[in-house]
Amino acid sequence: MKLVETPELIERPLSAGELALRYEKLCEDPCFANVLGKVEIDAWGRVMMTPPPAYYHGVVQARLIQALGALGGGQIAAETPIATPAGLFAADVTWASEAFVQAHAREAALPQAPELCIEIVSPSNSRKELDEKIAAYLAAGAREVWIVYPQSKRCEFHGRQGKLEESEFRVELGELFR
């Protein structure tokens, strides 16, 4: 395996392409093969790891995937790595149109965000972190970002114009928190 040349001192935040390449190399590295949890990379190329989420987080994630299945015309994915201007983040759930999927299906990390990116809030998340991810996904091309709060059983919808009253992605979320 050819190692990527890494400068001694990083002078600027990494580009989306550089972040995607760094993530691809992490995925190929046998040292990371058995790491549990989510691996993300900040804008400076530093690896950020979080433990696996709680069981209920996964249940809500699965229910979101089921609900989004009603949209049709696209693909749903979990733990989607997306290179953004703020770093490489793994969205809990995404929905991408067929055109987007055809353009990016074979990439280890997406160089732009799918149309819909969803984050499920864990107790360790801060408002600042969530706001940064909303801004990052939107800057990377997402049409909408959902923030799902399992503990308070609510969802926020965000678009380029700010917080939305409702989502343009019309799916039934009534069973999400049952």
Foldseek 3Di string as FASTA:
>chain_A
DDDDDDDPDQPFFDALVVQLVLLVVLVVDPVNVPDAAAWWAFRNGDIDGDHHADPLLVLLLVVVLVQLVVQPQWDKDAQAWERFNGTTGGFGMATAGPVLCVVPVPGPHHPAAGQEGEHEDDPPDDPVNVVVVQVRNQRRPHQWYKYAYQVVGDIWIAGPVGTDPDDPSDTDCPPSND
